[in-house]
Amino acid sequence: MKEMDLILGPWADGALEELSPEDLDLLEDLLEENDQDLYRWVVSGGAPEPLSPLLDRIAAHAHTRFRG
């Protein structure tokens, strides 16, 4: 889904080097999820644990990037 590419790509460009091994494992799990679910969680919240903290960081980055 193009929207998730636009959200995840720029976030990953700046965040991958700073992620802990645990966060990298969560990111791998997150990337296995359906794009439509990911988009809904980024836009509206409600992501399942343990993905929620990582998705909150991604959502904050997207909010800053797209809404200034």
C-alpha atoms as a PDB file:
ATOM      1  CA  MET A   1       0.000   0.000   0.000  1.00  0.00           C
ATOM      2  CA  LYS A   2       1.573   3.263  -1.145  1.00  0.00           C
ATOM      3  CA  GLU A   3       0.497   5.192   1.975  1.00  0.00           C
ATOM      4  CA  MET A   4       2.450   2.836   4.215  1.00  0.00           C
ATOM      5  CA  ASP A   5       5.479   3.123   1.938  1.00  0.00           C
ATOM      6  CA  LEU A   6       5.306   6.901   2.371  1.00  0.00           C
ATOM      7  CA  ILE A   7       5.030   6.543   6.148  1.00  0.00           C
ATOM      8  CA  LEU A   8       7.457   3.712   6.867  1.00  0.00           C
ATOM      9  CA  GLY A   9      10.193   4.575   4.361  1.00  0.00           C
ATOM     10  CA  PRO A  10      11.108   8.021   5.697  1.00  0.00           C
ATOM     11  CA  TRP A  11      10.707   6.854   9.293  1.00  0.00           C
ATOM     12  CA  ALA A  12      13.033   3.896   8.711  1.00  0.00           C
ATOM     13  CA  ASP A  13      15.608   6.109   6.989  1.00  0.00           C
ATOM     14  CA  GLY A  14      16.141   7.987  10.235  1.00  0.00           C
ATOM     15  CA  ALA A  15      15.321   5.378  12.864  1.00  0.00           C
ATOM     16  CA  LEU A  16      16.845   2.050  11.871  1.00  0.00           C
ATOM     17  CA  GLU A  17      20.314   2.832  13.188  1.00  0.00           C
ATOM     18  CA  GLU A  18      18.890   3.806  16.570  1.00  0.00           C
ATOM     19  CA  LEU A  19      16.617   0.797  17.113  1.00  0.00           C
ATOM     20  CA  SER A  20      17.505  -1.741  19.769  1.00  0.00           C
ATOM     21  CA  PRO A  21      17.651  -5.416  18.820  1.00  0.00           C
ATOM     22  CA  GLU A  22      14.259  -5.847  20.509  1.00  0.00           C
ATOM     23  CA  ASP A  23      12.773  -2.992  18.463  1.00  0.00           C
ATOM     24  CA  LEU A  24      14.202  -4.497  15.287  1.00  0.00           C
ATOM     25  CA  ASP A  25      12.429  -7.753  16.149  1.00  0.00           C
ATOM     26  CA  LEU A  26       9.191  -5.797  16.673  1.00  0.00           C
ATOM     27  CA  LEU A  27       9.695  -4.022  13.355  1.00  0.00           C
ATOM     28  CA  GLU A  28      10.088  -7.375  11.653  1.00  0.00           C
ATOM     29  CA  ASP A  29       6.813  -8.522  13.258  1.00  0.00           C
ATOM     30  CA  LEU A  30       5.154  -5.249  12.286  1.00  0.00           C
ATOM     31  CA  LEU A  31       6.154  -5.677   8.642  1.00  0.00           C
ATOM     32  CA  GLU A  32       4.347  -9.020   8.590  1.00  0.00           C
ATOM     33  CA  GLU A  33       1.039  -7.273   9.367  1.00  0.00           C
ATOM     34  CA  ASN A  34      -1.523  -6.285   6.746  1.00  0.00           C
ATOM     35  CA  ASP A  35      -0.889  -2.776   5.338  1.00  0.00           C
ATOM     36  CA  GLN A  36      -4.498  -1.740   5.848  1.00  0.00           C
ATOM     37  CA  ASP A  37      -4.272  -2.631   9.537  1.00  0.00           C
ATOM     38  CA  LEU A  38      -0.954  -0.807   9.893  1.00  0.00           C
ATOM     39  CA  TYR A  39      -2.370   2.297   8.267  1.00  0.00           C
ATOM     40  CA  ARG A  40      -5.410   2.269  10.546  1.00  0.00           C
ATOM     41  CA  TRP A  41      -3.207   1.840  13.619  1.00  0.00           C
ATOM     42  CA  VAL A  42      -0.902   4.692  12.574  1.00  0.00           C
ATOM     43  CA  VAL A  43      -3.812   7.030  11.822  1.00  0.00           C
ATOM     44  CA  SER A  44      -6.228   6.060  14.593  1.00  0.00           C
ATOM     45  CA  GLY A  45      -4.222   4.148  17.182  1.00  0.00           C
ATOM     46  CA  GLY A  46      -5.382   0.942  18.769  1.00  0.00           C
ATOM     47  CA  ALA A  47      -2.450  -1.228  17.712  1.00  0.00           C
ATOM     48  CA  PRO A  48      -2.082  -4.516  19.573  1.00  0.00           C
ATOM     49  CA  GLU A  49       0.642  -5.016  22.131  1.00  0.00           C
ATOM     50  CA  PRO A  50       3.581  -5.330  21.789  1.00  0.00           C
ATOM     51  CA  LEU A  51       3.513  -3.368  18.501  1.00  0.00           C
ATOM     52  CA  SER A  52       1.814  -0.329  20.010  1.00  0.00           C
ATOM     53  CA  PRO A  53       4.905   1.555  21.319  1.00  0.00           C
ATOM     54  CA  LEU A  54       6.754   1.196  18.017  1.00  0.00           C
ATOM     55  CA  LEU A  55       3.687   2.216  16.012  1.00  0.00           C
ATOM     56  CA  ASP A  56       3.243   5.231  18.285  1.00  0.00           C
ATOM     57  CA  ARG A  57       6.764   6.349  17.348  1.00  0.00           C
ATOM     58  CA  ILE A  58       6.054   5.811  13.655  1.00  0.00           C
ATOM     59  CA  ALA A  59       2.754   7.704  13.948  1.00  0.00           C
ATOM     60  CA  ALA A  60       4.433  10.639  15.721  1.00  0.00           C
ATOM     61  CA  HIS A  61       7.011  10.858  12.943  1.00  0.00           C
ATOM     62  CA  ALA A  62       4.308  10.719  10.259  1.00  0.00           C
ATOM     63  CA  HIS A  63       2.260  13.374  12.043  1.00  0.00           C
ATOM     64  CA  THR A  64       5.258  15.713  12.190  1.00  0.00           C
ATOM     65  CA  ARG A  65       6.196  15.020   8.579  1.00  0.00           C
ATOM     66  CA  PHE A  66       2.757  15.443   7.039  1.00  0.00           C
ATOM     67  CA  ARG A  67       1.194  18.052   9.290  1.00  0.00           C
ATOM     68  CA  GLY A  68       4.236  19.979  10.354  1.00  0.00           C
END
